[in-house]
Structures are given as structure tokens and as C-alpha cells.
Amino acid sequence: MLEITDLVCGYGPVAALRGVSLHVGKGELVALVGANGAGKSTTLRAISGLVPTRAGAIRLDGEDVTGAGPQRMLRLGVAHCPEGRRVFPHMSVADNLAMGAYLRSADASLKADYERIYTDFPRLAERRHQMAGTLSGGEQQMLAIGRALMSRPRLVLFDEPSLGLAPNIVEQMFAIIGAIRDAGTTVLLVEQNAFAALELCDHAYLIEAGRIVKAGKGPELIDDPHVRAAYLGG
């Protein structure tokens, strides 16, 4: 579904990605793991059109979308759930969800999707008229996920969904992401909790200093001595 080939991009004179290549098959959950500053978030931002590419190619279902802007990527079915949640703090939960659906027309399917989000996230239903900035960190992450799903994406990019959350909420977040994959939506997951990501994923890539250095099934990387020593505490 998603094919990245020899991608180079960065910020100013600094190259954050130095020839990244990876593949995400339709219906898969693929994890991208690595240390802070390795290029994980930049990879997602490049895919969604938030960071310009300098070289390489991004293809979605065989179509070259290199350099496409965020709005076009959203129209093509790519939703980005950003690091730090980035909800609109002075808007209600309901209005935040509406922002995720702003490219869609108001029809019966839109109403059904609101109800589906409220069913999947009962806490959001209880707080639908509450300002998003007053929610807990876990509730804001649920809202960010719900907002992304309101666009009816074919591919969701998750950037550090467990960041700053309590352990019991982290477990819930990973269960939700697994359920999104199980429902047929393709997922590319960037996550600092390498062990949880590798346990959950179908396939994984390890990125270091802007380059992919290892790839394989999740259990293969969990058992890899380098991965265990560097990212899994031995």
C-alpha cells in the first residue's frame, strides 16, 4: 500500500532522513522504532506532506505522491495522529471530531461515524461538550485517535501514542491501535515503547541516525541482540 524508497529530507541544512526505504502492506500494522532523534517522526511528517522531501519517492497504492501536501494526502486516505496529541484545546470534544471530518459532506455515514467513535470511546461521549484542553492526557489521546478516524482513512500514521501516559492507559492505547488494524485499516506506528510496538506489529523497521538498519517480523527484532541491548533493556 505504502512504499518509501531512498527518502531524504530534513530541516534547513540538516538531513534527518538519509535514504529511508520501507514498505507497509494493505491491512498491516508496521512499527518504526528507534531512539529519540533517529528520524521516526520526520518519516511520518514526510509521508503526510508536512516536511518537504529532497530525494527519493513516496508511493501510495502505486501512485507517486512525493511532495503532495497534507490536504491531498488526507483526501487520498492518509490520517496523521501526531505526537503530543495536538487537540484544539479551546474547542469541544465534538468540534475536535468535526475537524477530523472537515473534508467530508454531512450525510448519514458521518452521523454514524460520530456514534461509532462515541461507542468505541465512552469517555469522549461523556465529555462531548467539554473543552478538549481540560481532558486528561489519556482522554486527549483518545480524542486525537477519534479525530483521525473521522476522516475514514485507509492508512493511519500514529506518532508516539503512548508518550506521557500512565501504564494502564498505555495498554489501552495499544489495544485500540490493534483493533484499528484488525478492522482493516492499515497502520504505521512510531513508538518509543519498542517492546510493546514489536509485540503488536506485523512487521517492523529499526531506524538509526536517519537510516533503516534492521527490518523483520516483530519477534525477530525482539530476539535480535542489538535491539535487545539498545532498546529493550538487554
C-alpha atoms as a PDB file:
ATOM      1  CA  MET A   1       0.000   0.000   0.000  1.00  0.00           C
ATOM      2  CA  LEU A   2       2.714   2.466   1.048  1.00  0.00           C
ATOM      3  CA  GLU A   3       6.178   2.298  -0.478  1.00  0.00           C
ATOM      4  CA  ILE A   4       9.001   4.648   0.530  1.00  0.00           C
ATOM      5  CA  THR A   5      12.218   4.471  -1.466  1.00  0.00           C
ATOM      6  CA  ASP A   6      15.533   6.170  -0.624  1.00  0.00           C
ATOM      7  CA  LEU A   7      13.798   9.075   1.110  1.00  0.00           C
ATOM      8  CA  VAL A   8      15.949  12.069   2.033  1.00  0.00           C
ATOM      9  CA  CYS A   9      14.542  15.066   3.872  1.00  0.00           C
ATOM     10  CA  GLY A  10      15.366  17.352   6.753  1.00  0.00           C
ATOM     11  CA  TYR A  11      15.183  20.735   8.384  1.00  0.00           C
ATOM     12  CA  GLY A  12      17.329  23.502   6.935  1.00  0.00           C
ATOM     13  CA  PRO A  13      20.835  22.200   6.211  1.00  0.00           C
ATOM     14  CA  VAL A  14      20.355  19.150   8.441  1.00  0.00           C
ATOM     15  CA  ALA A  15      19.308  15.873   6.785  1.00  0.00           C
ATOM     16  CA  ALA A  16      17.071  13.990   9.203  1.00  0.00           C
ATOM     17  CA  LEU A  17      16.409  11.089   6.813  1.00  0.00           C
ATOM     18  CA  ARG A  18      19.288   9.705   4.745  1.00  0.00           C
ATOM     19  CA  GLY A  19      17.835   7.251   2.282  1.00  0.00           C
ATOM     20  CA  VAL A  20      14.965   5.628   4.197  1.00  0.00           C
ATOM     21  CA  SER A  21      13.140   2.787   2.454  1.00  0.00           C
ATOM     22  CA  LEU A  22      10.220   0.850   3.895  1.00  0.00           C
ATOM     23  CA  HIS A  23       7.029  -0.908   2.840  1.00  0.00           C
ATOM     24  CA  VAL A  24       3.623  -1.076   4.505  1.00  0.00           C
ATOM     25  CA  GLY A  25       1.247  -3.673   3.082  1.00  0.00           C
ATOM     26  CA  LYS A  26      -2.514  -3.199   2.989  1.00  0.00           C
ATOM     27  CA  GLY A  27      -4.085  -4.157   6.311  1.00  0.00           C
ATOM     28  CA  GLU A  28      -0.743  -4.411   8.106  1.00  0.00           C
ATOM     29  CA  LEU A  29       0.425  -2.770  11.294  1.00  0.00           C
ATOM     30  CA  VAL A  30       4.052  -1.773  10.746  1.00  0.00           C
ATOM     31  CA  ALA A  31       6.185  -0.342  13.544  1.00  0.00           C
ATOM     32  CA  LEU A  32       9.060   2.094  13.144  1.00  0.00           C
ATOM     33  CA  VAL A  33      11.226   2.064  16.266  1.00  0.00           C
ATOM     34  CA  GLY A  34      14.438   3.792  17.283  1.00  0.00           C
ATOM     35  CA  ALA A  35      15.959   6.303  19.647  1.00  0.00           C
ATOM     36  CA  ASN A  36      14.860   9.907  20.025  1.00  0.00           C
ATOM     37  CA  GLY A  37      16.149  11.938  17.088  1.00  0.00           C
ATOM     38  CA  ALA A  38      16.614   8.902  14.839  1.00  0.00           C
ATOM     39  CA  GLY A  39      14.103  10.177  12.263  1.00  0.00           C
ATOM     40  CA  LYS A  40      10.905   8.370  13.235  1.00  0.00           C
ATOM     41  CA  SER A  41       8.622  11.393  13.462  1.00  0.00           C
ATOM     42  CA  THR A  42      10.240  13.002  10.422  1.00  0.00           C
ATOM     43  CA  THR A  43       9.354   9.921   8.391  1.00  0.00           C
ATOM     44  CA  LEU A  44       5.680  10.304   9.272  1.00  0.00           C
ATOM     45  CA  ARG A  45       5.758  14.039   8.646  1.00  0.00           C
ATOM     46  CA  ALA A  46       7.303  13.465   5.225  1.00  0.00           C
ATOM     47  CA  ILE A  47       4.604  10.936   4.324  1.00  0.00           C
ATOM     48  CA  SER A  48       1.800  13.291   5.349  1.00  0.00           C
ATOM     49  CA  GLY A  49       3.356  16.213   3.471  1.00  0.00           C
ATOM     50  CA  LEU A  50       4.451  18.290   6.454  1.00  0.00           C
ATOM     51  CA  VAL A  51       8.169  18.073   5.646  1.00  0.00           C
ATOM     52  CA  PRO A  52       9.474  18.581   2.086  1.00  0.00           C
ATOM     53  CA  THR A  53      11.447  15.758   0.506  1.00  0.00           C
ATOM     54  CA  ARG A  54      14.861  16.328  -1.059  1.00  0.00           C
ATOM     55  CA  ALA A  55      15.222  12.992  -2.806  1.00  0.00           C
ATOM     56  CA  GLY A  56      13.555   9.607  -3.014  1.00  0.00           C
ATOM     57  CA  ALA A  57       9.938   8.655  -3.582  1.00  0.00           C
ATOM     58  CA  ILE A  58       6.716   8.050  -1.672  1.00  0.00           C
ATOM     59  CA  ARG A  59       4.085   5.897  -3.379  1.00  0.00           C
ATOM     60  CA  LEU A  60       0.576   5.151  -2.202  1.00  0.00           C
ATOM     61  CA  ASP A  61      -1.108   2.239  -3.975  1.00  0.00           C
ATOM     62  CA  GLY A  62       1.457   2.656  -6.744  1.00  0.00           C
ATOM     63  CA  GLU A  63       0.795   6.375  -7.225  1.00  0.00           C
ATOM     64  CA  ASP A  64       3.732   8.727  -6.751  1.00  0.00           C
ATOM     65  CA  VAL A  65       2.674  11.165  -4.035  1.00  0.00           C
ATOM     66  CA  THR A  66       6.126  12.604  -3.325  1.00  0.00           C
ATOM     67  CA  GLY A  67       5.720  16.258  -2.416  1.00  0.00           C
ATOM     68  CA  ALA A  68       1.959  16.082  -2.032  1.00  0.00           C
ATOM     69  CA  GLY A  69       0.660  18.446   0.626  1.00  0.00           C
ATOM     70  CA  PRO A  70      -1.233  17.471   3.774  1.00  0.00           C
ATOM     71  CA  GLN A  71      -4.677  18.181   2.323  1.00  0.00           C
ATOM     72  CA  ARG A  72      -4.088  15.976  -0.702  1.00  0.00           C
ATOM     73  CA  MET A  73      -2.729  13.167   1.464  1.00  0.00           C
ATOM     74  CA  LEU A  74      -5.813  13.385   3.650  1.00  0.00           C
ATOM     75  CA  ARG A  75      -8.021  13.239   0.566  1.00  0.00           C
ATOM     76  CA  LEU A  76      -6.094  10.136  -0.511  1.00  0.00           C
ATOM     77  CA  GLY A  77      -6.976   8.476   2.795  1.00  0.00           C
ATOM     78  CA  VAL A  78      -3.914   9.137   4.965  1.00  0.00           C
ATOM     79  CA  ALA A  79      -4.584  10.402   8.505  1.00  0.00           C
ATOM     80  CA  HIS A  80      -1.825  11.579  10.854  1.00  0.00           C
ATOM     81  CA  CYS A  81      -2.254  11.225  14.609  1.00  0.00           C
ATOM     82  CA  PRO A  82       0.589  13.489  15.787  1.00  0.00           C
ATOM     83  CA  GLU A  83       2.989  13.303  18.694  1.00  0.00           C
ATOM     84  CA  GLY A  84       1.699  15.257  21.663  1.00  0.00           C
ATOM     85  CA  ARG A  85      -1.911  14.725  20.542  1.00  0.00           C
ATOM     86  CA  ARG A  86      -2.308  18.338  19.280  1.00  0.00           C
ATOM     87  CA  VAL A  87      -6.012  18.591  20.049  1.00  0.00           C
ATOM     88  CA  PHE A  88      -7.659  22.005  19.731  1.00  0.00           C
ATOM     89  CA  PRO A  89      -7.782  22.912  23.444  1.00  0.00           C
ATOM     90  CA  HIS A  90     -10.419  25.668  23.266  1.00  0.00           C
ATOM     91  CA  MET A  91     -12.824  23.589  21.170  1.00  0.00           C
ATOM     92  CA  SER A  92     -15.190  20.933  22.460  1.00  0.00           C
ATOM     93  CA  VAL A  93     -14.655  17.215  22.011  1.00  0.00           C
ATOM     94  CA  ALA A  94     -17.438  17.174  19.402  1.00  0.00           C
ATOM     95  CA  ASP A  95     -15.896  20.083  17.485  1.00  0.00           C
ATOM     96  CA  ASN A  96     -12.473  18.410  17.534  1.00  0.00           C
ATOM     97  CA  LEU A  97     -14.042  15.320  15.966  1.00  0.00           C
ATOM     98  CA  ALA A  98     -15.747  17.527  13.397  1.00  0.00           C
ATOM     99  CA  MET A  99     -12.337  18.900  12.392  1.00  0.00           C
ATOM    100  CA  GLY A 100     -11.287  15.360  11.506  1.00  0.00           C
ATOM    101  CA  ALA A 101     -14.228  15.129   9.107  1.00  0.00           C
ATOM    102  CA  TYR A 102     -13.986  18.585   7.564  1.00  0.00           C
ATOM    103  CA  LEU A 103     -13.364  17.201   4.055  1.00  0.00           C
ATOM    104  CA  ARG A 104     -16.488  15.039   4.225  1.00  0.00           C
ATOM    105  CA  SER A 105     -20.042  16.035   3.419  1.00  0.00           C
ATOM    106  CA  ALA A 106     -22.683  15.891   6.146  1.00  0.00           C
ATOM    107  CA  ASP A 107     -24.566  12.694   5.368  1.00  0.00           C
ATOM    108  CA  ALA A 108     -25.898   9.680   7.252  1.00  0.00           C
ATOM    109  CA  SER A 109     -22.487   7.981   7.249  1.00  0.00           C
ATOM    110  CA  LEU A 110     -20.955  10.962   9.043  1.00  0.00           C
ATOM    111  CA  LYS A 111     -23.519  10.748  11.836  1.00  0.00           C
ATOM    112  CA  ALA A 112     -22.889   7.013  12.095  1.00  0.00           C
ATOM    113  CA  ASP A 113     -19.153   7.632  12.444  1.00  0.00           C
ATOM    114  CA  TYR A 114     -19.705  10.068  15.313  1.00  0.00           C
ATOM    115  CA  GLU A 115     -21.724   7.410  17.093  1.00  0.00           C
ATOM    116  CA  ARG A 116     -19.088   4.781  16.368  1.00  0.00           C
ATOM    117  CA  ILE A 117     -16.384   6.971  17.926  1.00  0.00           C
ATOM    118  CA  TYR A 118     -18.549   7.610  20.982  1.00  0.00           C
ATOM    119  CA  THR A 119     -19.258   3.889  21.270  1.00  0.00           C
ATOM    120  CA  ASP A 120     -15.573   2.970  20.985  1.00  0.00           C
ATOM    121  CA  PHE A 121     -14.554   5.778  23.364  1.00  0.00           C
ATOM    122  CA  PRO A 122     -17.287   6.143  26.003  1.00  0.00           C
ATOM    123  CA  ARG A 123     -15.247   8.750  27.885  1.00  0.00           C
ATOM    124  CA  LEU A 124     -15.494  11.013  24.843  1.00  0.00           C
ATOM    125  CA  ALA A 125     -19.251  10.525  24.731  1.00  0.00           C
ATOM    126  CA  GLU A 126     -19.476  11.621  28.351  1.00  0.00           C
ATOM    127  CA  ARG A 127     -17.379  14.703  27.611  1.00  0.00           C
ATOM    128  CA  ARG A 128     -18.573  15.584  24.108  1.00  0.00           C
ATOM    129  CA  HIS A 129     -19.369  19.192  25.122  1.00  0.00           C
ATOM    130  CA  GLN A 130     -16.254  19.636  27.296  1.00  0.00           C
ATOM    131  CA  MET A 131     -13.296  21.700  26.112  1.00  0.00           C
ATOM    132  CA  ALA A 132     -10.535  19.407  24.857  1.00  0.00           C
ATOM    133  CA  GLY A 133      -7.860  21.227  26.834  1.00  0.00           C
ATOM    134  CA  THR A 134      -9.491  20.164  30.092  1.00  0.00           C
ATOM    135  CA  LEU A 135      -9.284  16.441  29.300  1.00  0.00           C
ATOM    136  CA  SER A 136      -6.674  14.135  30.833  1.00  0.00           C
ATOM    137  CA  GLY A 137      -3.712  13.036  28.727  1.00  0.00           C
ATOM    138  CA  GLY A 138      -5.296   9.666  28.022  1.00  0.00           C
ATOM    139  CA  GLU A 139      -8.601  11.252  27.050  1.00  0.00           C
ATOM    140  CA  GLN A 140      -6.822  13.676  24.723  1.00  0.00           C
ATOM    141  CA  GLN A 141      -5.060  10.740  23.057  1.00  0.00           C
ATOM    142  CA  MET A 142      -8.422   9.010  22.576  1.00  0.00           C
ATOM    143  CA  LEU A 143      -9.725  12.234  21.041  1.00  0.00           C
ATOM    144  CA  ALA A 144      -6.724  12.503  18.708  1.00  0.00           C
ATOM    145  CA  ILE A 145      -7.329   8.923  17.552  1.00  0.00           C
ATOM    146  CA  GLY A 146     -11.048   9.536  17.133  1.00  0.00           C
ATOM    147  CA  ARG A 147     -10.373  12.731  15.167  1.00  0.00           C
ATOM    148  CA  ALA A 148      -8.067  10.821  12.806  1.00  0.00           C
ATOM    149  CA  LEU A 149     -10.643   8.073  12.292  1.00  0.00           C
ATOM    150  CA  MET A 150     -13.357  10.605  11.414  1.00  0.00           C
ATOM    151  CA  SER A 151     -11.721  11.090   8.025  1.00  0.00           C
ATOM    152  CA  ARG A 152     -12.335   7.384   7.275  1.00  0.00           C
ATOM    153  CA  PRO A 153      -8.657   6.805   6.479  1.00  0.00           C
ATOM    154  CA  ARG A 154      -7.165   3.855   4.642  1.00  0.00           C
ATOM    155  CA  LEU A 155      -3.826   4.462   6.400  1.00  0.00           C
ATOM    156  CA  VAL A 156      -3.264   5.960   9.859  1.00  0.00           C
ATOM    157  CA  LEU A 157       0.129   7.289  10.957  1.00  0.00           C
ATOM    158  CA  PHE A 158       0.497   7.115  14.746  1.00  0.00           C
ATOM    159  CA  ASP A 159       3.323   9.174  16.253  1.00  0.00           C
ATOM    160  CA  GLU A 160       4.260   8.176  19.828  1.00  0.00           C
ATOM    161  CA  PRO A 161       0.701   7.449  21.036  1.00  0.00           C
ATOM    162  CA  SER A 162       1.915   6.236  24.461  1.00  0.00           C
ATOM    163  CA  LEU A 163       4.019   9.321  25.226  1.00  0.00           C
ATOM    164  CA  GLY A 164       3.336  10.718  28.692  1.00  0.00           C
ATOM    165  CA  LEU A 165       0.529   8.300  29.541  1.00  0.00           C
ATOM    166  CA  ALA A 166       0.098   6.156  32.638  1.00  0.00           C
ATOM    167  CA  PRO A 167       0.928   2.443  32.169  1.00  0.00           C
ATOM    168  CA  ASN A 168      -2.710   1.295  32.341  1.00  0.00           C
ATOM    169  CA  ILE A 169      -3.694   3.856  29.704  1.00  0.00           C
ATOM    170  CA  VAL A 170      -0.735   2.830  27.524  1.00  0.00           C
ATOM    171  CA  GLU A 171      -2.024  -0.744  27.487  1.00  0.00           C
ATOM    172  CA  GLN A 172      -5.446   0.527  26.457  1.00  0.00           C
ATOM    173  CA  MET A 173      -3.933   2.641  23.642  1.00  0.00           C
ATOM    174  CA  PHE A 174      -2.133  -0.328  22.147  1.00  0.00           C
ATOM    175  CA  ALA A 175      -5.302  -2.409  22.332  1.00  0.00           C
ATOM    176  CA  ILE A 176      -7.170   0.336  20.457  1.00  0.00           C
ATOM    177  CA  ILE A 177      -4.485   0.540  17.765  1.00  0.00           C
ATOM    178  CA  GLY A 178      -4.512  -3.230  17.347  1.00  0.00           C
ATOM    179  CA  ALA A 179      -8.288  -3.140  16.968  1.00  0.00           C
ATOM    180  CA  ILE A 180      -7.984  -0.457  14.256  1.00  0.00           C
ATOM    181  CA  ARG A 181      -5.661  -2.782  12.323  1.00  0.00           C
ATOM    182  CA  ASP A 182      -7.952  -5.745  12.923  1.00  0.00           C
ATOM    183  CA  ALA A 183     -10.866  -3.754  11.477  1.00  0.00           C
ATOM    184  CA  GLY A 184      -8.950  -3.439   8.196  1.00  0.00           C
ATOM    185  CA  THR A 185      -7.225  -0.054   8.442  1.00  0.00           C
ATOM    186  CA  THR A 186      -3.529  -0.018   7.642  1.00  0.00           C
ATOM    187  CA  VAL A 187      -1.305   1.398  10.393  1.00  0.00           C
ATOM    188  CA  LEU A 188       2.226   2.799  10.506  1.00  0.00           C
ATOM    189  CA  LEU A 189       3.204   3.191  14.151  1.00  0.00           C
ATOM    190  CA  VAL A 190       6.115   5.228  15.519  1.00  0.00           C
ATOM    191  CA  GLU A 191       6.641   4.363  19.148  1.00  0.00           C
ATOM    192  CA  GLN A 192       9.261   4.856  21.858  1.00  0.00           C
ATOM    193  CA  ASN A 193       7.941   1.795  23.725  1.00  0.00           C
ATOM    194  CA  ALA A 194       9.808  -0.561  21.420  1.00  0.00           C
ATOM    195  CA  PHE A 195       8.833  -3.793  23.153  1.00  0.00           C
ATOM    196  CA  ALA A 196       5.085  -3.076  23.035  1.00  0.00           C
ATOM    197  CA  ALA A 197       5.300  -1.949  19.410  1.00  0.00           C
ATOM    198  CA  LEU A 198       7.265  -5.028  18.333  1.00  0.00           C
ATOM    199  CA  GLU A 199       4.834  -7.333  20.135  1.00  0.00           C
ATOM    200  CA  LEU A 200       1.874  -5.741  18.368  1.00  0.00           C
ATOM    201  CA  CYS A 201       3.151  -5.243  14.830  1.00  0.00           C
ATOM    202  CA  ASP A 202       3.140  -7.456  11.746  1.00  0.00           C
ATOM    203  CA  HIS A 203       6.465  -6.079  10.546  1.00  0.00           C
ATOM    204  CA  ALA A 204       8.999  -3.638  11.974  1.00  0.00           C
ATOM    205  CA  TYR A 205      11.871  -1.383  10.991  1.00  0.00           C
ATOM    206  CA  LEU A 206      14.657  -0.069  13.190  1.00  0.00           C
ATOM    207  CA  ILE A 207      15.896   3.407  12.291  1.00  0.00           C
ATOM    208  CA  GLU A 208      19.176   4.892  13.497  1.00  0.00           C
ATOM    209  CA  ALA A 209      20.593   8.293  12.516  1.00  0.00           C
ATOM    210  CA  GLY A 210      18.138   8.643   9.635  1.00  0.00           C
ATOM    211  CA  ARG A 211      18.761   5.201   8.128  1.00  0.00           C
ATOM    212  CA  ILE A 212      16.912   1.893   8.332  1.00  0.00           C
ATOM    213  CA  VAL A 213      19.385  -0.558   9.848  1.00  0.00           C
ATOM    214  CA  LYS A 214      17.203  -3.601  10.540  1.00  0.00           C
ATOM    215  CA  ALA A 215      13.849  -4.964   9.399  1.00  0.00           C
ATOM    216  CA  GLY A 216      11.816  -8.054  10.125  1.00  0.00           C
ATOM    217  CA  LYS A 217       8.867  -9.513  11.970  1.00  0.00           C
ATOM    218  CA  GLY A 218       8.300  -8.144  15.454  1.00  0.00           C
ATOM    219  CA  PRO A 219       9.500 -11.316  17.256  1.00  0.00           C
ATOM    220  CA  GLU A 220      12.645 -11.364  15.103  1.00  0.00           C
ATOM    221  CA  LEU A 221      13.611  -7.888  16.250  1.00  0.00           C
ATOM    222  CA  ILE A 222      12.695  -8.632  19.865  1.00  0.00           C
ATOM    223  CA  ASP A 223      15.173 -11.536  19.756  1.00  0.00           C
ATOM    224  CA  ASP A 224      17.871  -9.550  17.946  1.00  0.00           C
ATOM    225  CA  PRO A 225      20.855  -8.973  20.321  1.00  0.00           C
ATOM    226  CA  HIS A 226      21.468  -5.410  19.111  1.00  0.00           C
ATOM    227  CA  VAL A 227      17.824  -4.427  19.510  1.00  0.00           C
ATOM    228  CA  ARG A 228      17.617  -6.032  22.930  1.00  0.00           C
ATOM    229  CA  ALA A 229      20.763  -4.316  24.168  1.00  0.00           C
ATOM    230  CA  ALA A 230      19.955  -0.880  22.766  1.00  0.00           C
ATOM    231  CA  TYR A 231      16.170  -0.612  23.062  1.00  0.00           C
ATOM    232  CA  LEU A 232      14.770  -3.398  25.254  1.00  0.00           C
ATOM    233  CA  GLY A 233      16.988  -3.166  28.307  1.00  0.00           C
ATOM    234  CA  GLY A 234      19.158  -6.166  27.490  1.00  0.00           C
END
